[in-house]
N, C-alpha and C. Protein backbone atom coordinates (compact mmCIF):
# COMPACT_ATOMS: atom_id res chain seq x y z
N MET A 1 222.70 68.94 -19.62
CA MET A 1 223.90 68.49 -18.98
C MET A 1 223.57 67.30 -18.09
N LEU A 2 222.38 67.39 -17.25
CA LEU A 2 222.07 66.46 -16.30
C LEU A 2 221.93 65.05 -17.07
N ALA A 3 221.34 65.04 -18.20
CA ALA A 3 220.93 63.81 -18.97
C ALA A 3 222.34 62.93 -19.15
N ALA A 4 223.49 63.56 -19.17
CA ALA A 4 224.70 62.82 -19.45
C ALA A 4 225.46 62.30 -18.25
N ILE A 5 224.92 62.60 -17.10
CA ILE A 5 225.76 62.18 -15.94
C ILE A 5 224.91 61.19 -15.00
N GLU A 6 225.63 60.53 -14.15
CA GLU A 6 225.04 59.56 -13.23
C GLU A 6 224.46 60.32 -12.05
N LEU A 7 223.15 60.05 -11.74
CA LEU A 7 222.37 60.84 -10.69
C LEU A 7 222.28 60.22 -9.42
N ASP A 8 222.87 58.87 -9.19
CA ASP A 8 222.69 58.25 -7.84
C ASP A 8 222.85 59.09 -6.76
N GLY A 9 223.86 59.90 -6.73
CA GLY A 9 224.30 60.77 -5.43
C GLY A 9 223.59 62.26 -5.44
N LEU A 10 222.81 62.45 -6.55
CA LEU A 10 222.09 63.77 -6.66
C LEU A 10 220.84 63.73 -5.80
N HIS A 11 220.78 64.65 -4.82
CA HIS A 11 219.62 64.73 -3.95
C HIS A 11 218.72 65.82 -4.19
N LEU A 12 219.08 66.76 -4.84
CA LEU A 12 218.37 68.09 -5.02
C LEU A 12 218.74 68.86 -6.19
N LEU A 13 217.85 69.36 -6.95
CA LEU A 13 218.08 70.16 -8.23
C LEU A 13 217.42 71.53 -7.82
N VAL A 14 218.29 72.54 -7.84
CA VAL A 14 217.83 73.89 -7.35
C VAL A 14 217.86 74.93 -8.40
N ASP A 15 216.97 75.78 -8.47
CA ASP A 15 216.95 76.90 -9.43
C ASP A 15 216.35 78.14 -8.57
N SER A 16 216.87 79.34 -8.73
CA SER A 16 216.38 80.50 -8.04
C SER A 16 215.27 81.21 -8.96
N ASP A 17 215.00 80.74 -10.12
CA ASP A 17 213.95 81.24 -10.96
C ASP A 17 212.61 80.55 -10.46
N HIS A 18 211.83 81.30 -9.74
CA HIS A 18 210.56 80.66 -9.09
C HIS A 18 209.64 80.12 -10.06
N GLY A 19 209.84 80.68 -11.38
CA GLY A 19 208.93 80.00 -12.49
C GLY A 19 209.28 78.60 -12.73
N LYS A 20 210.46 78.11 -12.31
CA LYS A 20 210.87 76.78 -12.77
C LYS A 20 210.71 75.77 -11.48
N VAL A 21 210.49 76.32 -10.19
CA VAL A 21 210.26 75.63 -8.99
C VAL A 21 209.01 74.86 -9.16
N GLY A 22 209.08 73.56 -8.85
CA GLY A 22 208.04 72.59 -8.95
C GLY A 22 207.83 71.89 -10.24
N LEU A 23 208.62 72.42 -11.33
CA LEU A 23 208.63 71.71 -12.62
C LEU A 23 209.59 70.54 -12.49
N TYR A 24 209.60 69.76 -13.49
CA TYR A 24 210.48 68.62 -13.74
C TYR A 24 211.38 68.67 -14.87
N THR A 25 212.67 68.31 -14.73
CA THR A 25 213.70 68.14 -15.92
C THR A 25 213.14 67.22 -16.91
N PRO A 26 213.39 67.40 -18.21
CA PRO A 26 212.81 66.56 -19.21
C PRO A 26 213.34 65.13 -19.26
N VAL A 27 214.67 65.03 -19.11
CA VAL A 27 215.18 63.54 -19.27
C VAL A 27 215.36 62.93 -17.87
N SER A 28 215.73 63.51 -16.82
CA SER A 28 216.08 62.98 -15.67
C SER A 28 214.91 63.05 -14.69
N HIS A 29 213.81 63.75 -14.97
CA HIS A 29 212.58 63.83 -14.16
C HIS A 29 212.77 64.29 -12.75
N LEU A 30 213.90 65.13 -12.58
CA LEU A 30 214.13 65.71 -11.18
C LEU A 30 213.19 66.95 -10.96
N CYS A 31 212.56 67.04 -9.84
CA CYS A 31 211.77 68.23 -9.53
C CYS A 31 212.74 69.38 -9.08
N VAL A 32 212.43 70.55 -9.52
CA VAL A 32 213.19 71.68 -9.29
C VAL A 32 212.74 72.33 -7.97
N ALA A 33 213.68 72.54 -7.00
CA ALA A 33 213.35 73.14 -5.75
C ALA A 33 213.95 74.47 -5.65
N PRO A 34 213.52 75.22 -4.74
CA PRO A 34 214.06 76.66 -4.54
C PRO A 34 215.37 76.52 -3.72
N PRO A 35 216.23 77.57 -3.74
CA PRO A 35 217.59 77.47 -3.07
C PRO A 35 217.55 77.30 -1.52
N GLU A 36 216.39 77.75 -0.90
CA GLU A 36 216.27 77.45 0.46
C GLU A 36 216.28 76.01 0.92
N GLN A 37 215.91 75.14 -0.01
CA GLN A 37 216.01 73.64 0.30
C GLN A 37 217.38 73.22 0.61
N ILE A 38 218.32 73.96 0.15
CA ILE A 38 219.84 73.44 0.31
C ILE A 38 219.95 73.37 1.87
N LYS A 39 219.56 74.45 2.54
CA LYS A 39 219.77 74.39 4.05
C LYS A 39 218.77 73.46 4.71
N ALA A 40 217.61 73.52 4.21
CA ALA A 40 216.58 72.65 4.88
C ALA A 40 216.90 71.19 4.74
N GLN A 41 217.66 70.79 3.66
CA GLN A 41 217.99 69.25 3.49
C GLN A 41 219.40 69.03 3.98
N ALA A 42 220.19 69.99 4.52
CA ALA A 42 221.47 69.64 4.96
C ALA A 42 222.44 69.14 3.93
N ILE A 43 222.39 69.77 2.77
CA ILE A 43 223.19 69.45 1.68
C ILE A 43 224.73 69.90 1.89
N ASP A 44 225.54 69.03 1.64
CA ASP A 44 227.00 69.31 1.91
C ASP A 44 227.85 69.64 0.69
N ALA A 45 227.31 69.58 -0.49
CA ALA A 45 227.93 70.00 -1.64
C ALA A 45 227.16 70.42 -2.72
N VAL A 46 227.53 71.39 -3.50
CA VAL A 46 226.79 71.92 -4.59
C VAL A 46 227.50 71.97 -5.88
N ILE A 47 226.83 71.53 -7.00
CA ILE A 47 227.67 71.74 -8.20
C ILE A 47 226.75 72.76 -9.02
N VAL A 48 227.58 73.81 -9.44
CA VAL A 48 226.92 74.94 -10.19
C VAL A 48 227.04 74.59 -11.67
N MET A 49 225.82 74.48 -12.25
CA MET A 49 225.82 73.99 -13.71
C MET A 49 225.54 75.13 -14.71
N ALA A 50 225.63 76.47 -14.16
CA ALA A 50 225.32 77.60 -15.06
C ALA A 50 226.50 78.45 -15.25
N PRO A 51 227.40 78.23 -16.23
CA PRO A 51 228.71 78.77 -16.41
C PRO A 51 228.53 80.34 -16.47
N ALA A 52 227.63 80.83 -17.01
CA ALA A 52 227.53 82.29 -17.19
C ALA A 52 227.31 82.98 -15.80
N TYR A 53 226.72 82.33 -14.80
CA TYR A 53 226.35 82.92 -13.65
C TYR A 53 227.07 82.23 -12.44
N GLU A 54 228.10 81.37 -12.58
CA GLU A 54 228.69 80.60 -11.50
C GLU A 54 229.26 81.41 -10.44
N ARG A 55 229.88 82.44 -10.71
CA ARG A 55 230.49 83.24 -9.59
C ARG A 55 229.47 83.93 -8.79
N GLU A 56 228.37 84.41 -9.37
CA GLU A 56 227.23 85.06 -8.73
C GLU A 56 226.56 84.07 -7.97
N ILE A 57 226.26 82.84 -8.38
CA ILE A 57 225.61 81.91 -7.75
C ILE A 57 226.44 81.49 -6.44
N ALA A 58 227.78 81.24 -6.73
CA ALA A 58 228.63 80.87 -5.53
C ALA A 58 228.54 81.87 -4.39
N ARG A 59 228.62 83.15 -4.91
CA ARG A 59 228.53 84.19 -3.82
C ARG A 59 227.34 84.19 -3.21
N ASP A 60 226.15 84.08 -3.91
CA ASP A 60 224.77 83.99 -3.25
C ASP A 60 224.59 82.80 -2.31
N LEU A 61 225.27 81.66 -2.66
CA LEU A 61 225.23 80.55 -1.75
C LEU A 61 225.83 80.86 -0.46
N ARG A 62 227.01 81.52 -0.45
CA ARG A 62 227.67 81.82 0.78
C ARG A 62 227.03 82.90 1.48
N SER A 63 226.63 84.00 0.90
CA SER A 63 226.18 85.27 1.61
C SER A 63 224.58 85.27 1.89
N ARG A 64 223.92 84.78 0.85
CA ARG A 64 222.48 84.88 0.92
C ARG A 64 221.78 83.66 1.67
N TYR A 65 222.39 82.43 1.43
CA TYR A 65 221.86 81.26 2.04
C TYR A 65 222.79 80.61 3.00
N HIS A 66 223.94 81.25 3.25
CA HIS A 66 224.71 80.85 4.37
C HIS A 66 225.29 79.37 4.22
N PHE A 67 225.48 79.01 2.88
CA PHE A 67 225.95 77.71 2.56
C PHE A 67 227.34 77.46 2.90
N ALA A 68 227.74 76.60 3.77
CA ALA A 68 229.19 76.46 4.22
C ALA A 68 229.94 75.12 3.65
N GLY A 69 229.14 74.46 2.71
CA GLY A 69 229.76 73.32 2.25
C GLY A 69 230.48 73.54 0.96
N THR A 70 230.89 72.52 0.30
CA THR A 70 231.65 72.43 -0.96
C THR A 70 230.90 73.04 -2.14
N ILE A 71 231.41 73.85 -2.87
CA ILE A 71 230.85 74.39 -4.14
C ILE A 71 231.78 74.05 -5.26
N VAL A 72 231.22 73.43 -6.19
CA VAL A 72 232.00 73.09 -7.47
C VAL A 72 231.43 73.75 -8.70
N LEU A 73 232.26 74.31 -9.36
CA LEU A 73 231.87 75.12 -10.62
C LEU A 73 232.11 74.12 -11.79
N ALA A 74 231.05 73.88 -12.60
CA ALA A 74 231.07 72.95 -13.63
C ALA A 74 231.51 73.59 -15.04
N GLY A 75 231.45 74.85 -15.14
CA GLY A 75 231.77 75.52 -16.42
C GLY A 75 233.30 75.44 -16.79
N GLY A 76 233.54 75.00 -17.96
CA GLY A 76 234.94 74.89 -18.30
C GLY A 76 235.81 73.91 -17.58
N GLY A 77 235.22 72.84 -17.08
CA GLY A 77 235.86 71.83 -16.25
C GLY A 77 235.56 72.12 -14.92
N PHE A 78 235.80 71.17 -14.03
CA PHE A 78 235.34 71.19 -12.66
C PHE A 78 236.36 71.97 -11.78
N GLN A 79 235.96 72.85 -11.02
CA GLN A 79 236.72 73.59 -10.06
C GLN A 79 236.04 73.73 -8.73
N VAL A 80 236.78 73.11 -7.78
CA VAL A 80 236.18 73.20 -6.37
C VAL A 80 236.63 74.54 -5.70
N LEU A 81 235.72 75.27 -5.16
CA LEU A 81 236.06 76.55 -4.38
C LEU A 81 236.35 76.26 -3.06
N ASP A 82 237.29 77.17 -2.66
CA ASP A 82 237.79 77.04 -1.19
C ASP A 82 236.53 77.39 -0.36
N PRO A 83 236.14 76.66 0.69
CA PRO A 83 234.94 76.82 1.49
C PRO A 83 234.98 78.31 2.18
N THR A 84 236.15 78.90 2.30
CA THR A 84 236.26 80.20 2.90
C THR A 84 236.07 81.25 1.91
N ALA A 85 236.00 80.93 0.62
CA ALA A 85 235.92 81.97 -0.57
C ALA A 85 234.47 82.37 -0.68
């Protein structure tokens, strides 16, 4: 999916699978970082690109990583979550 979008504003690609951290995406050549980097880099918005796990990921972003920014779910069209959700 990343191969089909403009990446100018994309600063970080995150995956909680530690086996993927440090690897690069095949087309866009972005390095995969662990979720802890979201806070370390002061990211203000996250686009969740895993439709099967989007609610779980959004919940983890808020509770486990204390992410207070905007979360956008990309599965089935883009949905912006309420920051208090």
